[in-house]
Amino acid sequence: MQPVAPMLEWRRVEEEEEVEGEEEVEEAALVQLKDIVGSDVNDDILKCFLSAADMDVNRAANFYFTTMS
C-alpha cells in the first residue's frame, strides 16, 4: 500500500497554482474594466463588480454603469 501523503502534497500544489491563475485572470480583467470605466475608480469597487459578474468584463461594466448612473 502506498502512502497517501505524496498525493495530498500534489493536490495542494495544484490548488496553489489554480489560485495564482485566478489572480492573474482577476488582474487582467481589472485592467480591462479600468480601461472601460476609467482609472479613477477604486480597484476594490471594480473587483466587487467583477466578482458579481463572474469575471466577465462586459457584464461587470454593465453592472457598473447601471449602478452608478
PDB file of N, CA and C in Angstrom:
ATOM      1  N   MET A   1       0.850  -1.184   0.000  1.00  0.00           N
ATOM      2  CA  MET A   1       0.000   0.000   0.000  1.00  0.00           C
ATOM      3  C   MET A   1       0.895   1.247   0.000  1.00  0.00           C
ATOM      4  N   GLN A   2       0.586   2.199  -0.892  1.00  0.00           N
ATOM      5  CA  GLN A   2       1.384   3.410  -0.992  1.00  0.00           C
ATOM      6  C   GLN A   2       0.922   4.436   0.026  1.00  0.00           C
ATOM      7  N   PRO A   3       1.864   5.259   0.500  1.00  0.00           N
ATOM      8  CA  PRO A   3       1.468   6.315   1.441  1.00  0.00           C
ATOM      9  C   PRO A   3       0.586   7.360   0.755  1.00  0.00           C
ATOM     10  N   VAL A   4      -0.287   7.955   1.508  1.00  0.00           N
ATOM     11  CA  VAL A   4      -1.230   8.948   0.984  1.00  0.00           C
ATOM     12  C   VAL A   4      -0.597  10.332   0.879  1.00  0.00           C
ATOM     13  N   ALA A   5       0.378  10.614   1.685  1.00  0.00           N
ATOM     14  CA  ALA A   5       0.968  11.950   1.766  1.00  0.00           C
ATOM     15  C   ALA A   5       1.414  12.523   0.428  1.00  0.00           C
ATOM     16  N   PRO A   6       2.096  11.767  -0.460  1.00  0.00           N
ATOM     17  CA  PRO A   6       2.501  12.395  -1.728  1.00  0.00           C
ATOM     18  C   PRO A   6       1.319  12.899  -2.544  1.00  0.00           C
ATOM     19  N   MET A   7       0.217  12.183  -2.548  1.00  0.00           N
ATOM     20  CA  MET A   7      -0.966  12.619  -3.288  1.00  0.00           C
ATOM     21  C   MET A   7      -1.524  13.906  -2.682  1.00  0.00           C
ATOM     22  N   LEU A   8      -1.560  13.992  -1.379  1.00  0.00           N
ATOM     23  CA  LEU A   8      -2.059  15.199  -0.721  1.00  0.00           C
ATOM     24  C   LEU A   8      -1.172  16.392  -1.050  1.00  0.00           C
ATOM     25  N   GLU A   9       0.133  16.177  -1.062  1.00  0.00           N
ATOM     26  CA  GLU A   9       1.054  17.258  -1.392  1.00  0.00           C
ATOM     27  C   GLU A   9       0.811  17.725  -2.825  1.00  0.00           C
ATOM     28  N   TRP A  10       0.613  16.806  -3.749  1.00  0.00           N
ATOM     29  CA  TRP A  10       0.384  17.157  -5.141  1.00  0.00           C
ATOM     30  C   TRP A  10      -0.888  17.989  -5.289  1.00  0.00           C
ATOM     31  N   ARG A  11      -1.940  17.615  -4.591  1.00  0.00           N
ATOM     32  CA  ARG A  11      -3.197  18.362  -4.662  1.00  0.00           C
ATOM     33  C   ARG A  11      -3.023  19.787  -4.137  1.00  0.00           C
ATOM     34  N   ARG A  12      -2.283  19.949  -3.066  1.00  0.00           N
ATOM     35  CA  ARG A  12      -2.085  21.282  -2.501  1.00  0.00           C
ATOM     36  C   ARG A  12      -1.349  22.173  -3.491  1.00  0.00           C
ATOM     37  N   VAL A  13      -0.330  21.646  -4.151  1.00  0.00           N
ATOM     38  CA  VAL A  13       0.406  22.427  -5.143  1.00  0.00           C
ATOM     39  C   VAL A  13      -0.512  22.799  -6.293  1.00  0.00           C
ATOM     40  N   GLU A  14      -1.325  21.855  -6.744  1.00  0.00           N
ATOM     41  CA  GLU A  14      -2.252  22.133  -7.836  1.00  0.00           C
ATOM     42  C   GLU A  14      -3.227  23.244  -7.445  1.00  0.00           C
ATOM     43  N   GLU A  15      -3.743  23.216  -6.223  1.00  0.00           N
ATOM     44  CA  GLU A  15      -4.670  24.252  -5.767  1.00  0.00           C
ATOM     45  C   GLU A  15      -3.982  25.606  -5.713  1.00  0.00           C
ATOM     46  N   GLU A  16      -2.722  25.644  -5.284  1.00  0.00           N
ATOM     47  CA  GLU A  16      -1.991  26.911  -5.241  1.00  0.00           C
ATOM     48  C   GLU A  16      -1.810  27.463  -6.645  1.00  0.00           C
ATOM     49  N   GLU A  17      -1.494  26.586  -7.613  1.00  0.00           N
ATOM     50  CA  GLU A  17      -1.347  27.035  -8.996  1.00  0.00           C
ATOM     51  C   GLU A  17      -2.668  27.564  -9.534  1.00  0.00           C
ATOM     52  N   GLU A  18      -3.773  26.922  -9.168  1.00  0.00           N
ATOM     53  CA  GLU A  18      -5.086  27.369  -9.615  1.00  0.00           C
ATOM     54  C   GLU A  18      -5.394  28.752  -9.055  1.00  0.00           C
ATOM     55  N   VAL A  19      -5.054  28.987  -7.802  1.00  0.00           N
ATOM     56  CA  VAL A  19      -5.289  30.297  -7.188  1.00  0.00           C
ATOM     57  C   VAL A  19      -4.453  31.356  -7.881  1.00  0.00           C
ATOM     58  N   GLU A  20      -3.191  31.045  -8.192  1.00  0.00           N
ATOM     59  CA  GLU A  20      -2.360  32.015  -8.893  1.00  0.00           C
ATOM     60  C   GLU A  20      -2.956  32.333 -10.254  1.00  0.00           C
ATOM     61  N   GLY A  21      -3.482  31.329 -10.936  1.00  0.00           N
ATOM     62  CA  GLY A  21      -4.128  31.551 -12.225  1.00  0.00           C
ATOM     63  C   GLY A  21      -5.354  32.422 -12.095  1.00  0.00           C
ATOM     64  N   GLU A  22      -6.133  32.208 -11.049  1.00  0.00           N
ATOM     65  CA  GLU A  22      -7.320  33.022 -10.806  1.00  0.00           C
ATOM     66  C   GLU A  22      -6.926  34.472 -10.534  1.00  0.00           C
ATOM     67  N   GLU A  23      -5.842  34.664  -9.797  1.00  0.00           N
ATOM     68  CA  GLU A  23      -5.380  36.020  -9.511  1.00  0.00           C
ATOM     69  C   GLU A  23      -4.934  36.728 -10.784  1.00  0.00           C
ATOM     70  N   GLU A  24      -4.291  35.995 -11.690  1.00  0.00           N
ATOM     71  CA  GLU A  24      -3.867  36.583 -12.955  1.00  0.00           C
ATOM     72  C   GLU A  24      -5.079  36.957 -13.809  1.00  0.00           C
ATOM     73  N   VAL A  25      -6.082  36.108 -13.806  1.00  0.00           N
ATOM     74  CA  VAL A  25      -7.309  36.393 -14.557  1.00  0.00           C
ATOM     75  C   VAL A  25      -7.988  37.623 -13.971  1.00  0.00           C
ATOM     76  N   GLU A  26      -8.061  37.692 -12.639  1.00  0.00           N
ATOM     77  CA  GLU A  26      -8.692  38.841 -11.988  1.00  0.00           C
ATOM     78  C   GLU A  26      -7.933  40.129 -12.306  1.00  0.00           C
ATOM     79  N   GLU A  27      -6.617  40.069 -12.286  1.00  0.00           N
ATOM     80  CA  GLU A  27      -5.818  41.260 -12.566  1.00  0.00           C
ATOM     81  C   GLU A  27      -6.011  41.716 -14.014  1.00  0.00           C
ATOM     82  N   ALA A  28      -6.029  40.773 -14.946  1.00  0.00           N
ATOM     83  CA  ALA A  28      -6.241  41.122 -16.356  1.00  0.00           C
ATOM     84  C   ALA A  28      -7.635  41.713 -16.558  1.00  0.00           C
ATOM     85  N   ALA A  29      -8.634  41.122 -15.913  1.00  0.00           N
ATOM     86  CA  ALA A  29      -9.996  41.639 -16.027  1.00  0.00           C
ATOM     87  C   ALA A  29     -10.097  43.034 -15.417  1.00  0.00           C
ATOM     88  N   LEU A  30      -9.407  43.244 -14.313  1.00  0.00           N
ATOM     89  CA  LEU A  30      -9.419  44.556 -13.665  1.00  0.00           C
ATOM     90  C   LEU A  30      -8.830  45.622 -14.588  1.00  0.00           C
ATOM     91  N   VAL A  31      -7.736  45.302 -15.252  1.00  0.00           N
ATOM     92  CA  VAL A  31      -7.110  46.251 -16.182  1.00  0.00           C
ATOM     93  C   VAL A  31      -8.073  46.577 -17.320  1.00  0.00           C
ATOM     94  N   GLN A  32      -8.732  45.561 -17.868  1.00  0.00           N
ATOM     95  CA  GLN A  32      -9.684  45.786 -18.951  1.00  0.00           C
ATOM     96  C   GLN A  32     -10.867  46.625 -18.495  1.00  0.00           C
ATOM     97  N   LEU A  33     -11.374  46.330 -17.300  1.00  0.00           N
ATOM     98  CA  LEU A  33     -12.514  47.097 -16.783  1.00  0.00           C
ATOM     99  C   LEU A  33     -12.129  48.544 -16.529  1.00  0.00           C
ATOM    100  N   LYS A  34     -10.925  48.771 -16.024  1.00  0.00           N
ATOM    101  CA  LYS A  34     -10.460  50.146 -15.792  1.00  0.00           C
ATOM    102  C   LYS A  34     -10.328  50.909 -17.103  1.00  0.00           C
ATOM    103  N   ASP A  35      -9.956  50.211 -18.179  1.00  0.00           N
ATOM    104  CA  ASP A  35      -9.893  50.851 -19.492  1.00  0.00           C
ATOM    105  C   ASP A  35     -11.275  51.332 -19.927  1.00  0.00           C
ATOM    106  N   ILE A  36     -12.306  50.616 -19.523  1.00  0.00           N
ATOM    107  CA  ILE A  36     -13.675  50.965 -19.912  1.00  0.00           C
ATOM    108  C   ILE A  36     -14.257  52.054 -19.024  1.00  0.00           C
ATOM    109  N   VAL A  37     -14.143  51.901 -17.702  1.00  0.00           N
ATOM    110  CA  VAL A  37     -14.826  52.815 -16.782  1.00  0.00           C
ATOM    111  C   VAL A  37     -13.949  53.967 -16.321  1.00  0.00           C
ATOM    112  N   GLY A  38     -12.659  53.860 -16.519  1.00  0.00           N
ATOM    113  CA  GLY A  38     -11.747  54.919 -16.106  1.00  0.00           C
ATOM    114  C   GLY A  38     -10.866  54.474 -14.952  1.00  0.00           C
ATOM    115  N   SER A  39      -9.672  55.000 -14.932  1.00  0.00           N
ATOM    116  CA  SER A  39      -8.689  54.568 -13.934  1.00  0.00           C
ATOM    117  C   SER A  39      -8.883  55.227 -12.569  1.00  0.00           C
ATOM    118  N   ASP A  40      -9.811  56.181 -12.466  1.00  0.00           N
ATOM    119  CA  ASP A  40     -10.016  56.866 -11.194  1.00  0.00           C
ATOM    120  C   ASP A  40     -10.943  56.111 -10.242  1.00  0.00           C
ATOM    121  N   VAL A  41     -11.522  54.998 -10.703  1.00  0.00           N
ATOM    122  CA  VAL A  41     -12.428  54.202  -9.865  1.00  0.00           C
ATOM    123  C   VAL A  41     -11.596  53.270  -8.984  1.00  0.00           C
ATOM    124  N   ASN A  42     -11.986  53.153  -7.725  1.00  0.00           N
ATOM    125  CA  ASN A  42     -11.292  52.315  -6.755  1.00  0.00           C
ATOM    126  C   ASN A  42     -11.252  50.856  -7.202  1.00  0.00           C
ATOM    127  N   ASP A  43     -10.066  50.241  -7.105  1.00  0.00           N
ATOM    128  CA  ASP A  43      -9.897  48.844  -7.514  1.00  0.00           C
ATOM    129  C   ASP A  43     -10.814  47.893  -6.756  1.00  0.00           C
ATOM    130  N   ASP A  44     -10.995  48.119  -5.467  1.00  0.00           N
ATOM    131  CA  ASP A  44     -11.839  47.230  -4.668  1.00  0.00           C
ATOM    132  C   ASP A  44     -13.289  47.251  -5.146  1.00  0.00           C
ATOM    133  N   ILE A  45     -13.758  48.411  -5.541  1.00  0.00           N
ATOM    134  CA  ILE A  45     -15.122  48.522  -6.063  1.00  0.00           C
ATOM    135  C   ILE A  45     -15.241  47.746  -7.375  1.00  0.00           C
ATOM    136  N   LEU A  46     -14.242  47.913  -8.246  1.00  0.00           N
ATOM    137  CA  LEU A  46     -14.278  47.216  -9.532  1.00  0.00           C
ATOM    138  C   LEU A  46     -14.162  45.703  -9.340  1.00  0.00           C
ATOM    139  N   LYS A  47     -13.387  45.277  -8.368  1.00  0.00           N
ATOM    140  CA  LYS A  47     -13.280  43.840  -8.083  1.00  0.00           C
ATOM    141  C   LYS A  47     -14.613  43.276  -7.621  1.00  0.00           C
ATOM    142  N   CYS A  48     -15.377  44.059  -6.901  1.00  0.00           N
ATOM    143  CA  CYS A  48     -16.717  43.615  -6.487  1.00  0.00           C
ATOM    144  C   CYS A  48     -17.616  43.422  -7.701  1.00  0.00           C
ATOM    145  N   PHE A  49     -17.570  44.360  -8.630  1.00  0.00           N
ATOM    146  CA  PHE A  49     -18.362  44.223  -9.849  1.00  0.00           C
ATOM    147  C   PHE A  49     -17.913  43.016 -10.653  1.00  0.00           C
ATOM    148  N   LEU A  50     -16.597  42.807 -10.764  1.00  0.00           N
ATOM    149  CA  LEU A  50     -16.081  41.648 -11.489  1.00  0.00           C
ATOM    150  C   LEU A  50     -16.506  40.348 -10.828  1.00  0.00           C
ATOM    151  N   SER A  51     -16.465  40.319  -9.525  1.00  0.00           N
ATOM    152  CA  SER A  51     -16.861  39.121  -8.796  1.00  0.00           C
ATOM    153  C   SER A  51     -18.348  38.817  -9.042  1.00  0.00           C
ATOM    154  N   ALA A  52     -19.165  39.844  -8.984  1.00  0.00           N
ATOM    155  CA  ALA A  52     -20.604  39.669  -9.218  1.00  0.00           C
ATOM    156  C   ALA A  52     -20.881  39.220 -10.653  1.00  0.00           C
ATOM    157  N   ALA A  53     -19.981  39.577 -11.569  1.00  0.00           N
ATOM    158  CA  ALA A  53     -20.154  39.235 -12.982  1.00  0.00           C
ATOM    159  C   ALA A  53     -19.367  37.983 -13.363  1.00  0.00           C
ATOM    160  N   ASP A  54     -18.879  37.246 -12.399  1.00  0.00           N
ATOM    161  CA  ASP A  54     -18.093  36.028 -12.663  1.00  0.00           C
ATOM    162  C   ASP A  54     -16.903  36.313 -13.573  1.00  0.00           C
ATOM    163  N   MET A  55     -16.245  37.430 -13.338  1.00  0.00           N
ATOM    164  CA  MET A  55     -15.056  37.872 -14.068  1.00  0.00           C
ATOM    165  C   MET A  55     -15.321  38.176 -15.545  1.00  0.00           C
ATOM    166  N   ASP A  56     -16.567  38.396 -15.887  1.00  0.00           N
ATOM    167  CA  ASP A  56     -16.927  38.786 -17.251  1.00  0.00           C
ATOM    168  C   ASP A  56     -16.863  40.315 -17.309  1.00  0.00           C
ATOM    169  N   VAL A  57     -15.889  40.829 -18.045  1.00  0.00           N
ATOM    170  CA  VAL A  57     -15.642  42.273 -18.072  1.00  0.00           C
ATOM    171  C   VAL A  57     -16.837  43.026 -18.639  1.00  0.00           C
ATOM    172  N   ASN A  58     -17.458  42.508 -19.672  1.00  0.00           N
ATOM    173  CA  ASN A  58     -18.612  43.171 -20.275  1.00  0.00           C
ATOM    174  C   ASN A  58     -19.757  43.298 -19.264  1.00  0.00           C
ATOM    175  N   ARG A  59     -20.063  42.197 -18.592  1.00  0.00           N
ATOM    176  CA  ARG A  59     -21.139  42.231 -17.586  1.00  0.00           C
ATOM    177  C   ARG A  59     -20.778  43.166 -16.437  1.00  0.00           C
ATOM    178  N   ALA A  60     -19.520  43.129 -16.001  1.00  0.00           N
ATOM    179  CA  ALA A  60     -19.090  43.998 -14.899  1.00  0.00           C
ATOM    180  C   ALA A  60     -19.236  45.469 -15.288  1.00  0.00           C
ATOM    181  N   ALA A  61     -18.875  45.800 -16.514  1.00  0.00           N
ATOM    182  CA  ALA A  61     -19.021  47.184 -16.983  1.00  0.00           C
ATOM    183  C   ALA A  61     -20.496  47.579 -17.014  1.00  0.00           C
ATOM    184  N   ASN A  62     -21.347  46.678 -17.487  1.00  0.00           N
ATOM    185  CA  ASN A  62     -22.782  46.965 -17.496  1.00  0.00           C
ATOM    186  C   ASN A  62     -23.316  47.154 -16.084  1.00  0.00           C
ATOM    187  N   PHE A  63     -22.902  46.286 -15.152  1.00  0.00           N
ATOM    188  CA  PHE A  63     -23.301  46.448 -13.750  1.00  0.00           C
ATOM    189  C   PHE A  63     -22.859  47.801 -13.215  1.00  0.00           C
ATOM    190  N   TYR A  64     -21.613  48.157 -13.516  1.00  0.00           N
ATOM    191  CA  TYR A  64     -21.059  49.429 -13.020  1.00  0.00           C
ATOM    192  C   TYR A  64     -21.869  50.607 -13.539  1.00  0.00           C
ATOM    193  N   PHE A  65     -22.060  50.672 -14.850  1.00  0.00           N
ATOM    194  CA  PHE A  65     -22.765  51.825 -15.416  1.00  0.00           C
ATOM    195  C   PHE A  65     -24.233  51.859 -15.001  1.00  0.00           C
ATOM    196  N   THR A  66     -24.856  50.710 -14.832  1.00  0.00           N
ATOM    197  CA  THR A  66     -26.244  50.678 -14.388  1.00  0.00           C
ATOM    198  C   THR A  66     -26.347  51.148 -12.941  1.00  0.00           C
ATOM    199  N   THR A  67     -25.415  50.726 -12.122  1.00  0.00           N
ATOM    200  CA  THR A  67     -25.445  51.077 -10.693  1.00  0.00           C
ATOM    201  C   THR A  67     -25.041  52.529 -10.454  1.00  0.00           C
ATOM    202  N   MET A  68     -24.090  52.997 -11.196  1.00  0.00           N
ATOM    203  CA  MET A  68     -23.541  54.327 -10.937  1.00  0.00           C
ATOM    204  C   MET A  68     -24.292  55.443 -11.660  1.00  0.00           C
ATOM    205  N   SER A  69     -25.250  55.107 -12.516  1.00  0.00           N
ATOM    206  CA  SER A  69     -25.960  56.178 -13.229  1.00  0.00           C
ATOM    207  C   SER A  69     -27.167  56.654 -12.488  1.00  0.00           C
TER     208      SER A  69
END
